[in-house]
């Protein structure tokens, strides 16, 4: 007959502990349930996680590093099953704790963000610049909420020129995102300089409206620059991700669009001075350039004048010589012609005793042309006589 093996308590507990450590299905698992008997000692949390039929002893070391739930709260804990051999107790050691609702919402939200990121909806290359000096600003929010009052007050503190338009919508609850989408589609066609989507802070569930996929896509397709001002600084929604500018709070959104009129006037004056200085500099440069060109033209003109004056002088000298030659030749010819004319002058011939005889106005060149008793006229160099022919 075989002798019965007897084990001590430590051996049994160590064996049980080794079984739990070897079982991979009991490590890095998530368990949902309701918190009960929560207590914290020396920075560690000890509680019971239960459902309708069972309960599980749990512990969370250094619980300040994760979410700390309250009794009665539904949570999801992630960790491993452990068997404490020294005490003979089964326990679930939690590494992380999340509220059940937030955990599911966060999971769905992460998947949606991953999808939209893959499509490029959050890419910076699609972000439109916010106008630095807007004139017409449309705010999509609840008309009677504190948010719009704060936005108006912040803008008016710096600027009384901006026109503020309000599109009243629900910012929480069922189908609130549909109202916001309709408002966006409407005001995007109205040529506003910028659109602000705003609401105050709230729980994660309250802000889920601004994580709706259809609203994110509506913001992405807008032609007008969009500022998202949803919740507090720590609240980040998908609307913030897709908007052209994310303001940490509605007040920050108002500060973004509310430029100072005095600063704008100072900027315009500065630009005017810079423009005047630039124009003056350009004028001075042009004047120096014009003077240089004028001096160049004068020097070239003077040079050409000197060169041409020398040519003109040479031409004049040549012309004078030619004229003198012509005059000398003409004078000699004149003297010859004058001497000839003097020699052939009838008066000069008459001075030598010759007479000019005419009858009836016709010259008498032969005695045969005369008859007795003809009356003739005789001219000489100093007078004229009448005579009658007595004999031929």
Protein backbone atom coordinates (compact mmCIF):
# COMPACT_ATOMS: atom_id res chain seq x y z
CA UNK A 1 0.00 0.00 0.00
CA UNK A 2 1.48 3.36 -1.11
CA UNK A 3 2.23 5.87 1.62
CA UNK A 4 0.06 9.00 1.34
CA UNK A 5 2.02 12.20 0.42
CA UNK A 6 1.53 15.02 2.87
CA UNK A 7 2.28 18.67 1.84
CA UNK A 8 2.59 21.67 4.06
CA UNK A 9 0.56 24.86 3.54
CA UNK A 10 3.46 26.79 2.03
CA UNK A 11 4.05 24.16 -0.60
CA UNK A 12 0.40 24.12 -1.57
CA UNK A 13 0.17 27.90 -1.75
CA UNK A 14 3.40 28.19 -3.73
CA UNK A 15 2.11 25.62 -6.20
CA UNK A 16 -1.17 27.47 -6.58
CA UNK A 17 0.76 30.73 -7.07
CA UNK A 18 2.97 29.13 -9.75
CA UNK A 19 -0.14 27.90 -11.56
CA UNK A 20 -1.59 31.43 -11.67
CA UNK A 21 1.74 32.92 -12.82
CA UNK A 22 2.02 30.35 -15.62
CA UNK A 23 -1.49 30.95 -16.94
CA UNK A 24 -1.14 33.63 -19.64
CA UNK A 25 -4.91 34.19 -19.92
CA UNK A 26 -4.87 35.67 -16.42
CA UNK A 27 -2.29 38.37 -17.25
CA UNK A 28 -2.86 41.81 -18.86
CA UNK A 29 -6.62 41.40 -19.03
CA UNK A 30 -9.41 43.95 -18.64
CA UNK A 31 -12.33 43.31 -16.31
CA UNK A 32 -15.51 45.39 -15.95
CA UNK A 33 -17.49 45.66 -12.73
CA UNK A 34 -18.73 47.86 -9.89
CA UNK A 35 -16.50 49.25 -7.14
CA UNK A 36 -17.24 48.26 -3.54
CA UNK A 37 -15.44 48.72 -0.21
CA UNK A 38 -12.90 51.18 -1.68
CA UNK A 39 -10.15 52.11 0.77
CA UNK A 40 -6.74 53.72 0.30
CA UNK A 41 -3.79 53.04 2.59
CA UNK A 42 -0.26 54.38 2.15
CA UNK A 43 -0.90 55.28 -1.48
CA UNK A 44 -2.37 51.90 -2.40
CA UNK A 45 -6.04 51.20 -3.17
CA UNK A 46 -7.89 48.08 -2.03
CA UNK A 47 -11.41 47.35 -3.21
CA UNK A 48 -13.86 44.73 -4.42
CA UNK A 49 -14.96 44.55 -8.05
CA UNK A 50 -18.33 42.86 -8.39
CA UNK A 51 -21.20 42.14 -10.75
CA UNK A 52 -24.62 40.56 -10.26
CA UNK A 53 -23.24 37.10 -9.40
CA UNK A 54 -19.61 37.35 -8.29
CA UNK A 55 -16.95 39.52 -6.73
CA UNK A 56 -13.19 39.83 -7.02
CA UNK A 57 -10.74 41.19 -4.45
CA UNK A 58 -8.53 43.82 -6.09
CA UNK A 59 -5.60 46.04 -5.26
CA UNK A 60 -3.95 48.93 -7.09
CA UNK A 61 -0.47 49.93 -5.96
CA UNK A 62 0.51 53.58 -6.39
CA UNK A 63 -3.10 54.37 -7.25
CA UNK A 64 -2.34 58.09 -7.68
CA UNK A 65 -0.96 57.21 -11.12
CA UNK A 66 -4.39 56.20 -12.43
CA UNK A 67 -8.07 57.02 -11.99
CA UNK A 68 -9.39 56.67 -8.42
CA UNK A 69 -13.04 55.50 -8.44
CA UNK A 70 -15.70 55.73 -5.77
CA UNK A 71 -17.97 53.06 -4.32
CA UNK A 72 -20.78 52.15 -6.64
CA UNK A 73 -18.95 53.38 -9.76
CA UNK A 74 -18.66 51.12 -12.79
CA UNK A 75 -15.12 50.79 -14.07
CA UNK A 76 -12.81 48.85 -16.32
CA UNK A 77 -9.61 47.66 -14.62
CA UNK A 78 -6.60 46.32 -16.46
CA UNK A 79 -4.08 44.04 -14.78
CA UNK A 80 -3.33 40.43 -13.79
CA UNK A 81 -4.66 37.78 -11.41
CA UNK A 82 -2.26 37.10 -8.54
CA UNK A 83 -2.23 34.55 -5.73
CA UNK A 84 -0.63 35.81 -2.52
CA UNK A 85 0.93 32.63 -1.23
CA UNK A 86 1.88 33.96 2.21
CA UNK A 87 -1.69 34.95 2.96
CA UNK A 88 -3.40 32.35 0.84
CA UNK A 89 -5.48 35.02 -0.90
CA UNK A 90 -6.48 35.43 -4.55
CA UNK A 91 -6.30 39.04 -5.75
CA UNK A 92 -6.46 41.05 -8.97
CA UNK A 93 -3.62 43.53 -9.21
CA UNK A 94 -4.85 46.52 -11.25
CA UNK A 95 -2.34 48.57 -13.23
CA UNK A 96 -4.93 51.01 -14.67
CA UNK A 97 -8.51 52.00 -13.87
CA UNK A 98 -10.97 53.78 -16.17
CA UNK A 99 -14.61 54.72 -15.65
CA UNK A 100 -16.66 52.27 -17.68
CA UNK A 101 -18.50 54.94 -19.71
CA UNK A 102 -15.38 57.00 -20.38
CA UNK A 103 -13.43 53.92 -21.24
CA UNK A 104 -15.83 52.88 -23.97
CA UNK A 105 -16.17 56.42 -25.21
CA UNK A 106 -12.42 56.85 -25.28
CA UNK A 107 -12.03 53.62 -27.24
CA UNK A 108 -14.59 54.63 -29.85
CA UNK A 109 -13.18 58.14 -30.00
CA UNK A 110 -9.65 56.83 -30.53
CA UNK A 111 -10.80 54.61 -33.39
CA UNK A 112 -12.69 57.49 -35.04
CA UNK A 113 -9.70 59.83 -34.65
CA UNK A 114 -7.44 57.21 -36.19
CA UNK A 115 -9.81 56.88 -39.15
CA UNK A 116 -10.13 60.61 -39.76
CA UNK A 117 -6.40 61.14 -39.34
CA UNK A 118 -5.80 58.53 -42.01
CA UNK A 119 -8.09 60.48 -44.35
CA UNK A 120 -6.07 63.65 -43.76
CA UNK A 121 -8.84 65.72 -42.12
CA UNK A 122 -6.47 66.98 -39.44
CA UNK A 123 -3.52 67.76 -41.73
CA UNK A 124 -2.02 71.18 -41.18
CA UNK A 125 -1.86 71.76 -44.94
CA UNK A 126 -5.64 72.14 -44.97
CA UNK A 127 -5.70 74.76 -42.19
CA UNK A 128 -6.92 78.15 -43.39
CA UNK A 129 -5.32 81.25 -41.82
CA UNK A 130 -7.41 83.30 -39.41
CA UNK A 131 -7.76 86.89 -40.72
CA UNK A 132 -5.75 89.27 -38.51
CA UNK A 133 -8.31 92.07 -38.81
CA UNK A 134 -11.80 90.56 -39.25
CA UNK A 135 -14.85 92.75 -39.71
CA UNK A 136 -17.70 90.21 -39.52
CA UNK A 137 -17.54 87.37 -36.99
CA UNK A 138 -20.22 84.71 -36.60
CA UNK A 139 -20.49 82.77 -33.32
CA UNK A 140 -22.33 79.43 -33.34
CA UNK A 141 -23.44 78.77 -29.76
CA UNK A 142 -26.41 78.91 -27.39
CA UNK A 143 -27.90 82.41 -27.64
CA UNK A 144 -28.67 82.78 -23.92
CA UNK A 145 -25.56 81.03 -22.58
CA UNK A 146 -22.75 82.58 -20.58
CA UNK A 147 -20.32 81.79 -23.41
CA UNK A 148 -21.66 84.35 -25.89
CA UNK A 149 -21.78 87.02 -23.19
CA UNK A 150 -18.14 86.38 -22.37
CA UNK A 151 -17.15 86.45 -26.05
CA UNK A 152 -18.95 89.75 -26.68
CA UNK A 153 -17.52 91.31 -23.54
CA UNK A 154 -13.97 90.25 -24.44
CA UNK A 155 -14.22 91.55 -28.02
CA UNK A 156 -15.81 94.86 -27.04
CA UNK A 157 -13.13 95.50 -24.45
CA UNK A 158 -10.61 95.88 -27.29
CA UNK A 159 -12.67 96.60 -30.37
CA UNK A 160 -16.01 98.24 -31.13
CA UNK A 161 -15.72 97.91 -34.92
CA UNK A 162 -16.19 94.15 -35.29
CA UNK A 163 -19.71 93.03 -36.18
CA UNK A 164 -20.72 90.05 -34.02
CA UNK A 165 -23.41 87.73 -35.39
CA UNK A 166 -24.90 84.89 -33.36
CA UNK A 167 -26.32 81.62 -34.68
CA UNK A 168 -28.36 80.04 -31.92
CA UNK A 169 -27.96 76.25 -31.57
CA UNK A 170 -28.08 73.52 -28.97
CA UNK A 171 -24.59 72.68 -27.76
CA UNK A 172 -25.48 69.53 -25.81
CA UNK A 173 -27.82 66.60 -26.01
CA UNK A 174 -29.33 64.42 -28.67
CA UNK A 175 -29.11 65.78 -32.24
CA UNK A 176 -27.24 68.89 -31.07
CA UNK A 177 -24.57 68.16 -33.66
CA UNK A 178 -27.20 68.18 -36.41
CA UNK A 179 -28.24 71.72 -35.44
CA UNK A 180 -24.61 72.82 -35.50
CA UNK A 181 -24.10 71.22 -38.94
CA UNK A 182 -27.16 73.02 -40.34
CA UNK A 183 -25.90 76.28 -38.87
CA UNK A 184 -22.45 75.76 -40.37
CA UNK A 185 -23.79 74.97 -43.84
CA UNK A 186 -25.91 78.12 -43.65
CA UNK A 187 -23.42 80.69 -42.36
CA UNK A 188 -20.56 79.37 -44.50
CA UNK A 189 -22.33 80.93 -47.49
CA UNK A 190 -22.66 84.38 -45.89
CA UNK A 191 -19.08 85.63 -46.40
CA UNK A 192 -18.17 86.02 -42.75
CA UNK A 193 -14.48 86.60 -42.08
CA UNK A 194 -14.38 83.89 -39.41
CA UNK A 195 -16.74 81.49 -37.63
CA UNK A 196 -16.40 80.56 -33.94
CA UNK A 197 -17.96 77.34 -32.64
CA UNK A 198 -18.18 77.75 -28.87
CA UNK A 199 -19.51 76.19 -25.68
CA UNK A 200 -18.40 76.12 -22.06
CA UNK A 201 -16.88 73.24 -20.13
CA UNK A 202 -18.61 70.01 -19.22
CA UNK A 203 -18.14 66.31 -18.73
CA UNK A 204 -16.78 64.05 -21.44
CA UNK A 205 -20.32 62.91 -22.20
CA UNK A 206 -21.49 66.55 -22.49
CA UNK A 207 -18.77 67.30 -25.04
CA UNK A 208 -19.36 64.19 -27.16
CA UNK A 209 -21.51 66.30 -29.51
CA UNK A 210 -18.26 67.85 -30.74
CA UNK A 211 -16.76 64.44 -31.47
CA UNK A 212 -19.47 63.43 -33.93
CA UNK A 213 -18.01 62.34 -37.26
CA UNK A 214 -20.61 64.19 -39.33
CA UNK A 215 -19.84 67.47 -37.52
CA UNK A 216 -16.10 67.00 -38.01
CA UNK A 217 -16.64 66.52 -41.75
CA UNK A 218 -18.94 69.56 -41.90
CA UNK A 219 -16.20 71.72 -40.37
CA UNK A 220 -13.62 70.30 -42.78
CA UNK A 221 -15.66 71.22 -45.86
CA UNK A 222 -16.28 74.83 -44.75
CA UNK A 223 -14.72 77.56 -46.86
CA UNK A 224 -14.78 80.07 -44.01
CA UNK A 225 -11.96 79.88 -41.41
CA UNK A 226 -13.22 78.07 -38.29
CA UNK A 227 -12.15 78.62 -34.67
CA UNK A 228 -13.11 75.83 -32.26
CA UNK A 229 -13.60 77.00 -28.66
CA UNK A 230 -15.13 74.03 -26.87
CA UNK A 231 -14.78 73.35 -23.15
CA UNK A 232 -11.80 74.19 -21.00
CA UNK A 233 -8.12 74.13 -21.87
CA UNK A 234 -7.77 70.44 -20.96
CA UNK A 235 -10.74 69.42 -23.11
CA UNK A 236 -9.73 68.44 -26.64
CA UNK A 237 -12.42 67.33 -29.10
CA UNK A 238 -12.26 66.22 -32.70
CA UNK A 239 -13.75 69.60 -33.62
CA UNK A 240 -10.63 71.16 -32.13
CA UNK A 241 -8.49 68.85 -34.25
CA UNK A 242 -10.20 69.64 -37.57
CA UNK A 243 -10.76 73.37 -37.01
CA UNK A 244 -8.40 75.89 -38.59
CA UNK A 245 -7.55 77.19 -35.11
CA UNK A 246 -8.14 75.67 -31.69
CA UNK A 247 -8.79 78.12 -28.86
CA UNK A 248 -8.31 76.75 -25.35
CA UNK A 249 -11.49 78.53 -24.16
CA UNK A 250 -14.23 80.73 -25.66
CA UNK A 251 -12.46 83.71 -24.09
CA UNK A 252 -9.27 82.77 -25.92
CA UNK A 253 -11.25 82.61 -29.18
CA UNK A 254 -12.54 86.13 -28.57
CA UNK A 255 -9.00 87.31 -27.84
CA UNK A 256 -7.87 85.76 -31.13
CA UNK A 257 -10.28 87.83 -33.26
CA UNK A 258 -10.47 90.97 -31.11
CA UNK A 259 -7.58 92.99 -32.44
CA UNK A 260 -6.89 96.33 -30.76
CA UNK A 261 -8.10 99.32 -32.80
CA UNK A 262 -5.36 101.48 -31.29
CA UNK A 263 -2.76 98.87 -32.22
CA UNK A 264 -4.18 98.74 -35.75
CA UNK A 265 -4.01 102.54 -36.06
CA UNK A 266 -0.44 102.48 -34.81
CA UNK A 267 0.38 99.70 -37.28
CA UNK A 268 -1.18 101.63 -40.17
CA UNK A 269 0.74 104.77 -39.18
CA UNK A 270 3.93 102.76 -38.98
CA UNK A 271 3.25 101.27 -42.41
CA UNK A 272 2.59 104.80 -43.72
CA UNK A 273 5.90 106.02 -42.35
CA UNK A 274 7.72 103.05 -43.78
CA UNK A 275 6.05 103.58 -47.17
CA UNK A 276 6.95 107.29 -47.13
CA UNK A 277 10.53 106.48 -46.19
CA UNK A 278 10.69 103.88 -48.93
CA UNK A 279 9.17 106.27 -51.50
CA UNK A 280 11.56 109.06 -50.45
CA UNK A 281 14.48 106.70 -50.84
CA UNK A 282 13.24 105.63 -54.26
CA UNK A 283 12.76 109.26 -55.31
CA UNK A 284 16.29 110.13 -54.18
CA UNK A 285 17.67 107.16 -56.09
CA UNK A 286 15.71 108.15 -59.19
CA UNK A 287 16.85 111.77 -58.85
CA UNK A 288 20.48 110.69 -58.59
CA UNK A 289 19.98 108.39 -61.55
CA UNK A 290 18.31 111.18 -63.54
CA UNK A 291 21.11 113.63 -62.71
CA UNK A 292 23.72 111.08 -63.73
CA UNK A 293 21.89 110.47 -66.99
CA UNK A 294 21.47 114.23 -67.58
CA UNK A 295 25.15 114.89 -66.91
CA UNK A 296 26.04 112.07 -69.28
CA UNK A 297 23.80 113.48 -72.00
CA UNK A 298 25.28 116.99 -71.48
CA UNK A 299 28.83 115.68 -71.70
CA UNK A 300 28.01 113.67 -74.82
CA UNK A 301 26.23 116.66 -76.35
CA UNK A 302 29.21 118.93 -75.59
CA UNK A 303 31.59 116.39 -77.04
CA UNK A 304 29.48 116.05 -80.18
CA UNK A 305 29.22 119.86 -80.41
CA UNK A 306 33.00 120.25 -80.21
CA UNK A 307 33.52 117.50 -82.76
CA UNK A 308 30.87 118.91 -85.11
CA UNK A 309 32.08 122.51 -84.61
CA UNK A 310 35.51 121.43 -85.81
CA UNK A 311 33.93 119.77 -88.83
CA UNK A 312 31.78 122.84 -89.47
CA UNK A 313 34.86 125.07 -89.29
CA UNK A 314 36.65 122.86 -91.78
CA UNK A 315 33.62 122.84 -94.03
CA UNK A 316 33.35 126.65 -93.76
CA UNK A 317 37.00 127.10 -94.63
CA UNK A 318 36.63 124.81 -97.63
CA UNK A 319 33.46 126.65 -98.64
CA UNK A 320 35.23 130.03 -98.31
CA UNK A 321 38.07 128.87 -100.54
CA UNK A 322 35.59 127.53 -103.08
CA UNK A 323 33.58 130.77 -102.99
CA UNK A 324 36.74 132.87 -103.29
CA UNK A 325 37.77 130.83 -106.30
CA UNK A 326 34.34 131.22 -107.79
CA UNK A 327 34.37 134.98 -107.13
CA UNK A 328 37.85 135.38 -108.59
CA UNK A 329 36.85 133.49 -111.74
CA UNK A 330 33.57 135.42 -111.96
CA UNK A 331 35.46 138.74 -111.50
CA UNK A 332 37.85 137.92 -114.29
CA UNK A 333 34.98 136.96 -116.56
CA UNK A 334 33.18 140.15 -115.59
CA UNK A 335 36.16 142.24 -116.52
CA UNK A 336 36.41 140.54 -119.88
CA UNK A 337 32.70 140.91 -120.58
CA UNK A 338 32.72 144.51 -119.32
CA UNK A 339 35.64 145.40 -121.60
CA UNK A 340 33.91 143.76 -124.51
CA UNK A 341 30.63 145.45 -123.75
CA UNK A 342 32.41 148.77 -123.44
CA UNK A 343 34.08 148.20 -126.76
CA UNK A 344 30.82 147.22 -128.42
CA UNK A 345 28.77 149.98 -126.78
CA UNK A 346 27.11 152.09 -129.60
CA UNK A 347 27.58 155.26 -127.58
CA UNK A 348 31.28 154.66 -127.51
CA UNK A 349 31.25 154.25 -131.31
CA UNK A 350 29.19 157.42 -131.71
CA UNK A 351 31.74 159.29 -129.63
CA UNK A 352 34.18 158.51 -132.35
CA UNK A 353 32.00 160.41 -134.91
CA UNK A 354 29.52 157.73 -135.96
CA UNK A 355 25.76 158.52 -136.39
CA UNK A 356 22.70 156.33 -136.09
CA UNK A 357 20.40 156.92 -139.11
CA UNK A 358 16.75 155.86 -139.09
CA UNK A 359 13.78 156.51 -141.31
CA UNK A 360 10.30 156.09 -140.00
CA UNK A 361 11.72 154.34 -136.96
CA UNK A 362 13.60 151.79 -139.05
CA UNK A 363 17.38 151.73 -139.16
CA UNK A 364 18.97 152.80 -142.40
CA UNK A 365 21.87 150.51 -143.07
CA UNK A 366 22.38 151.35 -146.76
CA UNK A 367 22.14 154.45 -148.96
CA UNK A 368 20.01 152.47 -151.31
CA UNK A 369 17.29 152.67 -148.81
CA UNK A 370 17.01 156.45 -149.11
CA UNK A 371 15.44 158.69 -151.73
CA UNK A 372 15.55 162.40 -152.29
CA UNK A 373 13.27 164.34 -149.98
CA UNK A 374 13.17 161.45 -147.46
CA UNK A 375 13.16 162.67 -143.89
CA UNK A 376 15.57 160.86 -141.63
CA UNK A 377 16.66 160.99 -138.02
CA UNK A 378 20.29 161.08 -137.05
CA UNK A 379 21.40 160.21 -133.52
CA UNK A 380 24.81 160.65 -131.99
CA UNK A 381 26.19 160.29 -128.44
CA UNK A 382 25.02 163.73 -127.37
CA UNK A 383 21.80 164.32 -129.28
CA UNK A 384 19.50 163.81 -132.28
CA UNK A 385 18.83 165.85 -135.46
CA UNK A 386 16.25 165.71 -138.23
CA UNK A 387 17.34 166.00 -141.88
CA UNK A 388 15.92 165.76 -145.43
CA UNK A 389 17.67 163.96 -148.22
CA UNK A 390 18.59 166.33 -151.08
CA UNK A 391 20.78 163.98 -152.99
CA UNK A 392 21.52 160.30 -153.08
